[in-house]
Full PDB file with SEQRES, HELIX, SHEET, SSBOND, CRYST1, ORIGX, SCALE, CONECT and MASTER records, all heavy atoms in Angstrom:
SEQRES   1 A   38  SER THR GLU THR VAL THR ARG LEU ARG ASP TYR PHE ALA          
SEQRES   2 A   38  ASN LEU GLY ILE GLU PHE LEU GLY TRP GLY ASP LEU GLY          
SEQRES   3 A   38  SER ARG THR TYR PHE GLY VAL GLY VAL ARG TRP ARG              
HELIX    1 AA1 THR A    2  ASN A   14  1                                  13    
SHEET    1 AA1 2 ILE A  17  ASP A  24  0                                        
SHEET    2 AA1 2 THR A  29  TRP A  37 -1                                        
CRYST1    1.000    1.000    1.000  90.00  90.00  90.00 P 1           1          
ORIGX1      1.000000  0.000000  0.000000        0.00000                         
ORIGX2      0.000000  1.000000  0.000000        0.00000                         
ORIGX3      0.000000  0.000000  1.000000        0.00000                         
SCALE1      1.000000  0.000000  0.000000        0.00000                         
SCALE2      0.000000  1.000000  0.000000        0.00000                         
SCALE3      0.000000  0.000000  1.000000        0.00000                         
ATOM      1  N   SER A   1       8.650  -7.849 -14.329  1.00  0.00           N  
ATOM      2  CA  SER A   1       7.716  -6.874 -13.940  1.00  0.00           C  
ATOM      3  C   SER A   1       7.537  -6.886 -12.446  1.00  0.00           C  
ATOM      4  O   SER A   1       7.704  -7.917 -11.714  1.00  0.00           O  
ATOM      5  CB  SER A   1       6.398  -6.980 -14.725  1.00  0.00           C  
ATOM      6  OG  SER A   1       5.713  -8.123 -14.012  1.00  0.00           O  
ATOM      7  N   THR A   2       7.297  -5.543 -11.916  1.00  0.00           N  
ATOM      8  CA  THR A   2       7.139  -5.511 -10.452  1.00  0.00           C  
ATOM      9  C   THR A   2       5.810  -6.423 -10.049  1.00  0.00           C  
ATOM     10  O   THR A   2       5.881  -7.012  -8.988  1.00  0.00           O  
ATOM     11  CB  THR A   2       6.733  -4.123  -9.972  1.00  0.00           C  
ATOM     12  OG1 THR A   2       7.949  -3.293 -10.435  1.00  0.00           O  
ATOM     13  CG2 THR A   2       6.591  -3.910  -8.568  1.00  0.00           C  
ATOM     14  N   GLU A   3       4.837  -6.460 -10.855  1.00  0.00           N  
ATOM     15  CA  GLU A   3       3.616  -7.292 -10.527  1.00  0.00           C  
ATOM     16  C   GLU A   3       4.038  -8.727 -10.416  1.00  0.00           C  
ATOM     17  O   GLU A   3       3.654  -9.468  -9.535  1.00  0.00           O  
ATOM     18  CB  GLU A   3       2.585  -7.081 -11.710  1.00  0.00           C  
ATOM     19  CG  GLU A   3       1.334  -7.944 -11.419  1.00  0.00           C  
ATOM     20  CD  GLU A   3       0.373  -7.816 -12.470  1.00  0.00           C  
ATOM     21  OE1 GLU A   3       0.421  -6.872 -13.277  1.00  0.00           O  
ATOM     22  OE2 GLU A   3      -0.596  -8.720 -12.589  1.00  0.00           O  
ATOM     23  N   THR A   4       4.906  -9.367 -11.306  1.00  0.00           N  
ATOM     24  CA  THR A   4       5.284 -10.578 -11.286  1.00  0.00           C  
ATOM     25  C   THR A   4       6.041 -10.902  -9.938  1.00  0.00           C  
ATOM     26  O   THR A   4       5.822 -11.934  -9.308  1.00  0.00           O  
ATOM     27  CB  THR A   4       6.058 -11.036 -12.471  1.00  0.00           C  
ATOM     28  OG1 THR A   4       5.305 -10.970 -13.652  1.00  0.00           O  
ATOM     29  CG2 THR A   4       6.587 -12.523 -12.464  1.00  0.00           C  
ATOM     30  N   VAL A   5       6.981 -10.017  -9.572  1.00  0.00           N  
ATOM     31  CA  VAL A   5       7.783 -10.158  -8.501  1.00  0.00           C  
ATOM     32  C   VAL A   5       6.941 -10.222  -7.275  1.00  0.00           C  
ATOM     33  O   VAL A   5       7.127 -11.113  -6.332  1.00  0.00           O  
ATOM     34  CB  VAL A   5       8.942  -9.172  -8.417  1.00  0.00           C  
ATOM     35  CG1 VAL A   5       9.479  -9.171  -7.070  1.00  0.00           C  
ATOM     36  CG2 VAL A   5       9.931  -9.260  -9.528  1.00  0.00           C  
ATOM     37  N   THR A   6       6.010  -9.264  -7.183  1.00  0.00           N  
ATOM     38  CA  THR A   6       5.109  -9.203  -6.034  1.00  0.00           C  
ATOM     39  C   THR A   6       4.267 -10.413  -5.928  1.00  0.00           C  
ATOM     40  O   THR A   6       4.045 -10.922  -4.849  1.00  0.00           O  
ATOM     41  CB  THR A   6       4.188  -7.956  -6.119  1.00  0.00           C  
ATOM     42  OG1 THR A   6       5.049  -6.708  -6.273  1.00  0.00           O  
ATOM     43  CG2 THR A   6       3.196  -7.823  -5.057  1.00  0.00           C  
ATOM     44  N   ARG A   7       3.660 -10.944  -7.013  1.00  0.00           N  
ATOM     45  CA  ARG A   7       2.882 -12.219  -6.981  1.00  0.00           C  
ATOM     46  C   ARG A   7       3.751 -13.363  -6.382  1.00  0.00           C  
ATOM     47  O   ARG A   7       3.213 -14.142  -5.663  1.00  0.00           O  
ATOM     48  CB  ARG A   7       2.354 -12.543  -8.391  1.00  0.00           C  
ATOM     49  CG  ARG A   7       1.146 -11.791  -8.755  1.00  0.00           C  
ATOM     50  CD  ARG A   7       0.577 -12.288 -10.007  1.00  0.00           C  
ATOM     51  NE  ARG A   7      -0.479 -11.438 -10.380  1.00  0.00           N  
ATOM     52  CZ  ARG A   7      -1.505 -11.762 -11.097  1.00  0.00           C  
ATOM     53  NH1 ARG A   7      -1.477 -12.957 -11.603  1.00  0.00           N  
ATOM     54  NH2 ARG A   7      -2.454 -10.957 -11.387  1.00  0.00           N  
ATOM     55  N   LEU A   8       4.924 -13.541  -6.958  1.00  0.00           N  
ATOM     56  CA  LEU A   8       5.737 -14.589  -6.531  1.00  0.00           C  
ATOM     57  C   LEU A   8       6.183 -14.426  -5.016  1.00  0.00           C  
ATOM     58  O   LEU A   8       6.141 -15.516  -4.405  1.00  0.00           O  
ATOM     59  CB  LEU A   8       7.119 -14.680  -7.366  1.00  0.00           C  
ATOM     60  CG  LEU A   8       6.797 -15.331  -8.835  1.00  0.00           C  
ATOM     61  CD1 LEU A   8       7.988 -15.104  -9.686  1.00  0.00           C  
ATOM     62  CD2 LEU A   8       6.436 -16.738  -8.662  1.00  0.00           C  
ATOM     63  N   ARG A   9       6.480 -13.235  -4.521  1.00  0.00           N  
ATOM     64  CA  ARG A   9       6.852 -13.114  -3.081  1.00  0.00           C  
ATOM     65  C   ARG A   9       5.659 -13.449  -2.336  1.00  0.00           C  
ATOM     66  O   ARG A   9       5.792 -14.128  -1.307  1.00  0.00           O  
ATOM     67  CB  ARG A   9       7.221 -11.649  -2.912  1.00  0.00           C  
ATOM     68  CG  ARG A   9       8.597 -11.263  -3.441  1.00  0.00           C  
ATOM     69  CD  ARG A   9       9.060  -9.874  -2.921  1.00  0.00           C  
ATOM     70  NE  ARG A   9      10.364  -9.512  -3.117  1.00  0.00           N  
ATOM     71  CZ  ARG A   9      11.326  -9.880  -2.186  1.00  0.00           C  
ATOM     72  NH1 ARG A   9      11.132 -10.384  -1.109  1.00  0.00           N  
ATOM     73  NH2 ARG A   9      12.709  -9.549  -2.532  1.00  0.00           N  
ATOM     74  N   ASP A  10       4.471 -12.928  -2.677  1.00  0.00           N  
ATOM     75  CA  ASP A  10       3.184 -13.228  -1.895  1.00  0.00           C  
ATOM     76  C   ASP A  10       2.973 -14.811  -1.928  1.00  0.00           C  
ATOM     77  O   ASP A  10       2.547 -15.385  -0.928  1.00  0.00           O  
ATOM     78  CB  ASP A  10       2.069 -12.481  -2.492  1.00  0.00           C  
ATOM     79  CG  ASP A  10       2.132 -11.037  -2.180  1.00  0.00           C  
ATOM     80  OD1 ASP A  10       2.979 -10.543  -1.402  1.00  0.00           O  
ATOM     81  OD2 ASP A  10       1.370 -10.293  -2.766  1.00  0.00           O  
ATOM     82  N   TYR A  11       3.184 -15.425  -3.070  1.00  0.00           N  
ATOM     83  CA  TYR A  11       2.909 -16.906  -3.186  1.00  0.00           C  
ATOM     84  C   TYR A  11       3.789 -17.606  -2.123  1.00  0.00           C  
ATOM     85  O   TYR A  11       3.294 -18.445  -1.424  1.00  0.00           O  
ATOM     86  CB  TYR A  11       3.161 -17.363  -4.634  1.00  0.00           C  
ATOM     87  CG  TYR A  11       3.213 -18.789  -4.905  1.00  0.00           C  
ATOM     88  CD1 TYR A  11       2.069 -19.511  -4.959  1.00  0.00           C  
ATOM     89  CD2 TYR A  11       4.383 -19.437  -5.025  1.00  0.00           C  
ATOM     90  CE1 TYR A  11       2.114 -20.845  -5.169  1.00  0.00           C  
ATOM     91  CE2 TYR A  11       4.475 -20.777  -5.187  1.00  0.00           C  
ATOM     92  CZ  TYR A  11       3.294 -21.539  -5.251  1.00  0.00           C  
ATOM     93  OH  TYR A  11       3.268 -22.933  -5.460  1.00  0.00           O  
ATOM     94  N   PHE A  12       5.033 -17.372  -2.326  1.00  0.00           N  
ATOM     95  CA  PHE A  12       6.010 -18.105  -1.441  1.00  0.00           C  
ATOM     96  C   PHE A  12       5.728 -17.686   0.098  1.00  0.00           C  
ATOM     97  O   PHE A  12       5.947 -18.588   0.915  1.00  0.00           O  
ATOM     98  CB  PHE A  12       7.448 -17.853  -1.875  1.00  0.00           C  
ATOM     99  CG  PHE A  12       7.830 -18.495  -3.084  1.00  0.00           C  
ATOM    100  CD1 PHE A  12       8.225 -17.836  -4.188  1.00  0.00           C  
ATOM    101  CD2 PHE A  12       7.820 -19.902  -3.277  1.00  0.00           C  
ATOM    102  CE1 PHE A  12       8.568 -18.393  -5.479  1.00  0.00           C  
ATOM    103  CE2 PHE A  12       8.118 -20.473  -4.418  1.00  0.00           C  
ATOM    104  CZ  PHE A  12       8.521 -19.756  -5.518  1.00  0.00           C  
ATOM    105  N   ALA A  13       5.481 -16.495   0.291  1.00  0.00           N  
ATOM    106  CA  ALA A  13       5.295 -16.103   1.750  1.00  0.00           C  
ATOM    107  C   ALA A  13       4.006 -16.728   2.354  1.00  0.00           C  
ATOM    108  O   ALA A  13       4.117 -17.285   3.499  1.00  0.00           O  
ATOM    109  CB  ALA A  13       5.021 -14.608   1.886  1.00  0.00           C  
ATOM    110  N   ASN A  14       3.054 -17.011   1.445  1.00  0.00           N  
ATOM    111  CA  ASN A  14       1.926 -17.711   1.989  1.00  0.00           C  
ATOM    112  C   ASN A  14       2.046 -19.226   2.207  1.00  0.00           C  
ATOM    113  O   ASN A  14       1.302 -19.838   2.997  1.00  0.00           O  
ATOM    114  CB  ASN A  14       0.687 -17.474   0.966  1.00  0.00           C  
ATOM    115  CG  ASN A  14       0.012 -16.145   0.884  1.00  0.00           C  
ATOM    116  OD1 ASN A  14       0.196 -15.552   1.931  1.00  0.00           O  
ATOM    117  ND2 ASN A  14      -0.469 -15.688  -0.112  1.00  0.00           N  
ATOM    118  N   LEU A  15       3.199 -19.785   1.631  1.00  0.00           N  
ATOM    119  CA  LEU A  15       3.553 -21.121   1.868  1.00  0.00           C  
ATOM    120  C   LEU A  15       4.605 -21.297   3.018  1.00  0.00           C  
ATOM    121  O   LEU A  15       5.159 -22.356   3.137  1.00  0.00           O  
ATOM    122  CB  LEU A  15       3.980 -21.749   0.552  1.00  0.00           C  
ATOM    123  CG  LEU A  15       2.828 -21.900  -0.506  1.00  0.00           C  
ATOM    124  CD1 LEU A  15       3.419 -22.326  -1.847  1.00  0.00           C  
ATOM    125  CD2 LEU A  15       1.925 -22.906   0.027  1.00  0.00           C  
ATOM    126  N   GLY A  16       4.981 -20.132   3.665  1.00  0.00           N  
ATOM    127  CA  GLY A  16       5.907 -20.212   4.816  1.00  0.00           C  
ATOM    128  C   GLY A  16       7.350 -20.015   4.425  1.00  0.00           C  
ATOM    129  O   GLY A  16       8.227 -20.191   5.292  1.00  0.00           O  
ATOM    130  N   ILE A  17       7.668 -19.305   3.207  1.00  0.00           N  
ATOM    131  CA  ILE A  17       9.073 -19.096   2.810  1.00  0.00           C  
ATOM    132  C   ILE A  17       9.419 -17.678   3.148  1.00  0.00           C  
ATOM    133  O   ILE A  17       8.598 -16.745   2.726  1.00  0.00           O  
ATOM    134  CB  ILE A  17       9.248 -19.397   1.334  1.00  0.00           C  
ATOM    135  CG1 ILE A  17       8.863 -20.843   0.959  1.00  0.00           C  
ATOM    136  CG2 ILE A  17      10.624 -19.051   0.867  1.00  0.00           C  
ATOM    137  CD1 ILE A  17       9.815 -21.899   1.463  1.00  0.00           C  
ATOM    138  N   GLU A  18      10.578 -17.448   3.661  1.00  0.00           N  
ATOM    139  CA  GLU A  18      10.940 -16.074   3.862  1.00  0.00           C  
ATOM    140  C   GLU A  18      12.221 -15.826   2.847  1.00  0.00           C  
ATOM    141  O   GLU A  18      13.072 -16.772   2.789  1.00  0.00           O  
ATOM    142  CB  GLU A  18      11.538 -15.841   5.407  1.00  0.00           C  
ATOM    143  CG  GLU A  18      10.479 -15.800   6.337  1.00  0.00           C  
ATOM    144  CD  GLU A  18      11.019 -15.571   7.692  1.00  0.00           C  
ATOM    145  OE1 GLU A  18      12.251 -15.853   7.980  1.00  0.00           O  
ATOM    146  OE2 GLU A  18      10.242 -15.100   8.639  1.00  0.00           O  
ATOM    147  N   PHE A  19      12.314 -14.665   2.273  1.00  0.00           N  
ATOM    148  CA  PHE A  19      13.320 -14.246   1.553  1.00  0.00           C  
ATOM    149  C   PHE A  19      14.413 -13.477   2.358  1.00  0.00           C  
ATOM    150  O   PHE A  19      13.972 -12.664   3.226  1.00  0.00           O  
ATOM    151  CB  PHE A  19      12.924 -13.419   0.299  1.00  0.00           C  
ATOM    152  CG  PHE A  19      12.183 -14.268  -0.591  1.00  0.00           C  
ATOM    153  CD1 PHE A  19      10.850 -14.269  -0.691  1.00  0.00           C  
ATOM    154  CD2 PHE A  19      12.868 -14.865  -1.654  1.00  0.00           C  
ATOM    155  CE1 PHE A  19      10.064 -14.945  -1.598  1.00  0.00           C  
ATOM    156  CE2 PHE A  19      12.183 -15.745  -2.579  1.00  0.00           C  
ATOM    157  CZ  PHE A  19      10.869 -15.777  -2.589  1.00  0.00           C  
ATOM    158  N   LEU A  20      15.696 -13.760   2.166  1.00  0.00           N  
ATOM    159  CA  LEU A  20      16.717 -13.043   2.911  1.00  0.00           C  
ATOM    160  C   LEU A  20      17.607 -12.188   2.012  1.00  0.00           C  
ATOM    161  O   LEU A  20      17.750 -12.546   0.834  1.00  0.00           O  
ATOM    162  CB  LEU A  20      17.532 -14.164   3.635  1.00  0.00           C  
ATOM    163  CG  LEU A  20      16.773 -15.164   4.444  1.00  0.00           C  
ATOM    164  CD1 LEU A  20      17.706 -16.393   4.903  1.00  0.00           C  
ATOM    165  CD2 LEU A  20      16.196 -14.612   5.623  1.00  0.00           C  
ATOM    166  N   GLY A  21      18.317 -11.318   2.626  1.00  0.00           N  
ATOM    167  CA  GLY A  21      19.165 -10.563   1.977  1.00  0.00           C  
ATOM    168  C   GLY A  21      18.995  -9.020   2.096  1.00  0.00           C  
ATOM    169  O   GLY A  21      18.020  -8.605   2.603  1.00  0.00           O  
ATOM    170  N   TRP A  22      19.942  -8.250   1.699  1.00  0.00           N  
ATOM    171  CA  TRP A  22      19.979  -6.875   1.796  1.00  0.00           C  
ATOM    172  C   TRP A  22      20.816  -6.251   0.801  1.00  0.00           C  
ATOM    173  O   TRP A  22      21.673  -6.912   0.240  1.00  0.00           O  
ATOM    174  CB  TRP A  22      20.459  -6.380   3.250  1.00  0.00           C  
ATOM    175  CG  TRP A  22      21.760  -6.855   3.713  1.00  0.00           C  
ATOM    176  CD1 TRP A  22      21.996  -8.026   4.334  1.00  0.00           C  
ATOM    177  CD2 TRP A  22      23.014  -6.200   3.419  1.00  0.00           C  
ATOM    178  NE1 TRP A  22      23.341  -8.192   4.490  1.00  0.00           N  
ATOM    179  CE2 TRP A  22      23.989  -7.003   3.953  1.00  0.00           C  
ATOM    180  CE3 TRP A  22      23.417  -5.094   2.639  1.00  0.00           C  
ATOM    181  CZ2 TRP A  22      25.401  -6.824   4.010  1.00  0.00           C  
ATOM    182  CZ3 TRP A  22      24.767  -4.867   2.606  1.00  0.00           C  
ATOM    183  CH2 TRP A  22      25.723  -5.606   3.187  1.00  0.00           C  
ATOM    184  N   GLY A  23      20.467  -5.005   0.319  1.00  0.00           N  
ATOM    185  CA  GLY A  23      21.242  -4.502  -0.741  1.00  0.00           C  
ATOM    186  C   GLY A  23      20.882  -2.967  -0.976  1.00  0.00           C  
ATOM    187  O   GLY A  23      20.233  -2.450  -0.317  1.00  0.00           O  
ATOM    188  N   ASP A  24      21.327  -2.531  -2.050  1.00  0.00           N  
ATOM    189  CA  ASP A  24      21.125  -1.264  -2.673  1.00  0.00           C  
ATOM    190  C   ASP A  24      20.240  -1.258  -3.765  1.00  0.00           C  
ATOM    191  O   ASP A  24      20.482  -1.827  -4.756  1.00  0.00           O  
ATOM    192  CB  ASP A  24      22.439  -0.586  -2.967  1.00  0.00           C  
ATOM    193  CG  ASP A  24      22.437   0.817  -3.487  1.00  0.00           C  
ATOM    194  OD1 ASP A  24      21.393   1.667  -3.171  1.00  0.00           O  
ATOM    195  OD2 ASP A  24      23.263   1.116  -4.337  1.00  0.00           O  
ATOM    196  N   LEU A  25      19.099  -0.590  -3.657  1.00  0.00           N  
ATOM    197  CA  LEU A  25      18.047  -0.624  -4.729  1.00  0.00           C  
ATOM    198  C   LEU A  25      18.600   0.168  -5.936  1.00  0.00           C  
ATOM    199  O   LEU A  25      18.319  -0.263  -7.083  1.00  0.00           O  
ATOM    200  CB  LEU A  25      16.707   0.062  -4.265  1.00  0.00           C  
ATOM    201  CG  LEU A  25      15.952  -0.842  -3.344  1.00  0.00           C  
ATOM    202  CD1 LEU A  25      14.717   0.004  -2.836  1.00  0.00           C  
ATOM    203  CD2 LEU A  25      15.340  -2.063  -3.874  1.00  0.00           C  
ATOM    204  N   GLY A  26      19.375   1.160  -5.666  1.00  0.00           N  
ATOM    205  CA  GLY A  26      19.873   2.039  -6.804  1.00  0.00           C  
ATOM    206  C   GLY A  26      20.835   1.284  -7.677  1.00  0.00           C  
ATOM    207  O   GLY A  26      20.666   1.292  -8.916  1.00  0.00           O  
ATOM    208  N   SER A  27      21.739   0.531  -7.077  1.00  0.00           N  
ATOM    209  CA  SER A  27      22.763  -0.166  -7.928  1.00  0.00           C  
ATOM    210  C   SER A  27      22.219  -1.716  -8.136  1.00  0.00           C  
ATOM    211  O   SER A  27      22.788  -2.297  -8.962  1.00  0.00           O  
ATOM    212  CB  SER A  27      24.057  -0.312  -7.091  1.00  0.00           C  
ATOM    213  OG  SER A  27      24.030  -1.096  -5.879  1.00  0.00           O  
ATOM    214  N   ARG A  28      21.174  -2.031  -7.598  1.00  0.00           N  
ATOM    215  CA  ARG A  28      20.660  -3.404  -7.705  1.00  0.00           C  
ATOM    216  C   ARG A  28      21.739  -4.446  -7.423  1.00  0.00           C  
ATOM    217  O   ARG A  28      21.937  -5.336  -8.140  1.00  0.00           O  
ATOM    218  CB  ARG A  28      19.918  -3.560  -9.022  1.00  0.00           C  
ATOM    219  CG  ARG A  28      18.818  -2.725  -9.310  1.00  0.00           C  
ATOM    220  CD  ARG A  28      18.017  -3.067 -10.508  1.00  0.00           C  
ATOM    221  NE  ARG A  28      17.569  -4.450 -10.447  1.00  0.00           N  
ATOM    222  CZ  ARG A  28      17.416  -5.185 -11.554  1.00  0.00           C  
ATOM    223  NH1 ARG A  28      17.518  -4.637 -12.718  1.00  0.00           N  
ATOM    224  NH2 ARG A  28      16.976  -6.447 -11.324  1.00  0.00           N  
ATOM    225  N   THR A  29      22.333  -4.280  -6.240  1.00  0.00           N  
ATOM    226  CA  THR A  29      23.345  -5.160  -5.770  1.00  0.00           C  
ATOM    227  C   THR A  29      22.855  -5.639  -4.347  1.00  0.00           C  
ATOM    228  O   THR A  29      22.678  -4.905  -3.502  1.00  0.00           O  
ATOM    229  CB  THR A  29      24.853  -4.482  -5.566  1.00  0.00           C  
ATOM    230  OG1 THR A  29      25.145  -4.024  -7.000  1.00  0.00           O  
ATOM    231  CG2 THR A  29      25.724  -5.501  -5.202  1.00  0.00           C  
ATOM    232  N   TYR A  30      22.596  -7.085  -4.385  1.00  0.00           N  
ATOM    233  CA  TYR A  30      22.105  -7.511  -3.036  1.00  0.00           C  
ATOM    234  C   TYR A  30      23.062  -8.573  -2.606  1.00  0.00           C  
ATOM    235  O   TYR A  30      23.644  -9.360  -3.258  1.00  0.00           O  
ATOM    236  CB  TYR A  30      20.773  -8.168  -3.267  1.00  0.00           C  
ATOM    237  CG  TYR A  30      19.766  -7.122  -3.778  1.00  0.00           C  
ATOM    238  CD1 TYR A  30      19.477  -6.884  -5.090  1.00  0.00           C  
ATOM    239  CD2 TYR A  30      19.027  -6.518  -2.774  1.00  0.00           C  
ATOM    240  CE1 TYR A  30      18.594  -5.931  -5.466  1.00  0.00           C  
ATOM    241  CE2 TYR A  30      17.965  -5.521  -3.206  1.00  0.00           C  
ATOM    242  CZ  TYR A  30      17.795  -5.205  -4.523  1.00  0.00           C  
ATOM    243  OH  TYR A  30      17.003  -4.382  -4.954  1.00  0.00           O  
ATOM    244  N   PHE A  31      23.289  -8.592  -1.192  1.00  0.00           N  
ATOM    245  CA  PHE A  31      24.230  -9.557  -0.483  1.00  0.00           C  
ATOM    246  C   PHE A  31      23.262 -10.499   0.378  1.00  0.00           C  
ATOM    247  O   PHE A  31      22.334  -9.964   0.835  1.00  0.00           O  
ATOM    248  CB  PHE A  31      25.304  -8.892   0.247  1.00  0.00           C  
ATOM    249  CG  PHE A  31      26.136  -8.080  -0.708  1.00  0.00           C  
ATOM    250  CD1 PHE A  31      25.970  -6.831  -0.875  1.00  0.00           C  
ATOM    251  CD2 PHE A  31      27.238  -8.834  -1.313  1.00  0.00           C  
ATOM    252  CE1 PHE A  31      26.932  -5.984  -1.603  1.00  0.00           C  
ATOM    253  CE2 PHE A  31      28.259  -7.950  -2.173  1.00  0.00           C  
ATOM    254  CZ  PHE A  31      27.951  -6.568  -2.189  1.00  0.00           C  
ATOM    255  N   GLY A  32      23.813 -11.664   0.670  1.00  0.00           N  
ATOM    256  CA  GLY A  32      23.128 -12.482   1.595  1.00  0.00           C  
ATOM    257  C   GLY A  32      21.868 -13.114   1.100  1.00  0.00           C  
ATOM    258  O   GLY A  32      20.982 -13.394   1.976  1.00  0.00           O  
ATOM    259  N   VAL A  33      21.600 -13.050  -0.148  1.00  0.00           N  
ATOM    260  CA  VAL A  33      20.341 -13.567  -0.772  1.00  0.00           C  
ATOM    261  C   VAL A  33      20.130 -15.000  -0.467  1.00  0.00           C  
ATOM    262  O   VAL A  33      21.075 -15.846  -0.711  1.00  0.00           O  
ATOM    263  CB  VAL A  33      20.337 -13.161  -2.284  1.00  0.00           C  
ATOM    264  CG1 VAL A  33      19.056 -13.802  -2.934  1.00  0.00           C  
ATOM    265  CG2 VAL A  33      20.294 -11.579  -2.369  1.00  0.00           C  
ATOM    266  N   GLY A  34      18.946 -15.418  -0.192  1.00  0.00           N  
ATOM    267  CA  GLY A  34      18.645 -16.760   0.167  1.00  0.00           C  
ATOM    268  C   GLY A  34      17.173 -16.926   0.614  1.00  0.00           C  
ATOM    269  O   GLY A  34      16.449 -16.003   0.550  1.00  0.00           O  
ATOM    270  N   VAL A  35      16.856 -18.053   1.100  1.00  0.00           N  
ATOM    271  CA  VAL A  35      15.538 -18.332   1.698  1.00  0.00           C  
ATOM    272  C   VAL A  35      15.576 -19.293   2.799  1.00  0.00           C  
ATOM    273  O   VAL A  35      16.613 -20.035   3.096  1.00  0.00           O  
ATOM    274  CB  VAL A  35      14.750 -19.075   0.501  1.00  0.00           C  
ATOM    275  CG1 VAL A  35      14.331 -18.161  -0.628  1.00  0.00           C  
ATOM    276  CG2 VAL A  35      15.311 -20.390   0.121  1.00  0.00           C  
ATOM    277  N   ARG A  36      14.625 -19.229   3.559  1.00  0.00           N  
ATOM    278  CA  ARG A  36      14.428 -20.137   4.751  1.00  0.00           C  
ATOM    279  C   ARG A  36      13.012 -20.313   5.031  1.00  0.00           C  
ATOM    280  O   ARG A  36      12.080 -19.625   4.639  1.00  0.00           O  
ATOM    281  CB  ARG A  36      15.189 -19.704   5.889  1.00  0.00           C  
ATOM    282  CG  ARG A  36      14.467 -18.479   6.663  1.00  0.00           C  
ATOM    283  CD  ARG A  36      15.311 -18.085   7.923  1.00  0.00           C  
ATOM    284  NE  ARG A  36      14.660 -16.890   8.358  1.00  0.00           N  
ATOM    285  CZ  ARG A  36      15.200 -16.245   9.351  1.00  0.00           C  
ATOM    286  NH1 ARG A  36      16.372 -16.611   9.997  1.00  0.00           N  
ATOM    287  NH2 ARG A  36      14.689 -15.047   9.875  1.00  0.00           N  
ATOM    288  N   TRP A  37      12.600 -21.389   5.718  1.00  0.00           N  
ATOM    289  CA  TRP A  37      11.294 -21.633   6.199  1.00  0.00           C  
ATOM    290  C   TRP A  37      11.193 -20.566   7.337  1.00  0.00           C  
ATOM    291  O   TRP A  37      11.918 -20.266   8.177  1.00  0.00           O  
ATOM    292  CB  TRP A  37      11.148 -23.065   6.883  1.00  0.00           C  
ATOM    293  CG  TRP A  37      11.090 -24.070   5.761  1.00  0.00           C  
ATOM    294  CD1 TRP A  37      12.032 -24.962   5.511  1.00  0.00           C  
ATOM    295  CD2 TRP A  37      10.044 -24.358   4.894  1.00  0.00           C  
ATOM    296  NE1 TRP A  37      11.668 -25.678   4.485  1.00  0.00           N  
ATOM    297  CE2 TRP A  37      10.397 -25.446   4.038  1.00  0.00           C  
ATOM    298  CE3 TRP A  37       8.767 -23.768   4.635  1.00  0.00           C  
ATOM    299  CZ2 TRP A  37       9.635 -25.923   3.007  1.00  0.00           C  
ATOM    300  CZ3 TRP A  37       7.939 -24.302   3.610  1.00  0.00           C  
ATOM    301  CH2 TRP A  37       8.342 -25.366   2.850  1.00  0.00           C  
ATOM    302  N   ARG A  38       9.875 -20.067   7.363  1.00  0.00           N  
ATOM    303  CA  ARG A  38       9.593 -19.043   8.336  1.00  0.00           C  
ATOM    304  C   ARG A  38       9.669 -19.740   9.742  1.00  0.00           C  
ATOM    305  O   ARG A  38       9.264 -20.885   9.956  1.00  0.00           O  
ATOM    306  CB  ARG A  38       8.056 -18.580   8.259  1.00  0.00           C  
ATOM    307  CG  ARG A  38       7.630 -17.500   9.207  1.00  0.00           C  
ATOM    308  CD  ARG A  38       6.323 -16.881   8.834  1.00  0.00           C  
ATOM    309  NE  ARG A  38       5.319 -17.885   8.496  1.00  0.00           N  
ATOM    310  CZ  ARG A  38       4.726 -17.896   7.365  1.00  0.00           C  
ATOM    311  NH1 ARG A  38       4.982 -17.019   6.404  1.00  0.00           N  
ATOM    312  NH2 ARG A  38       3.775 -18.814   7.106  1.00  0.00           N  
TER     313      ARG A  38                                                      
MASTER        0    0    0    1    2    0    0    6  312    1    0    3          
END                                                                             
């Protein structure tokens, strides 16, 4: 669910984690997906 994804993104962001990657929402294909410390 979008709600779960949003909660998790916010949770990790509040702890200093950045999500990386880019892609196409239509095809749901993302490249360069990863994480790093802010």
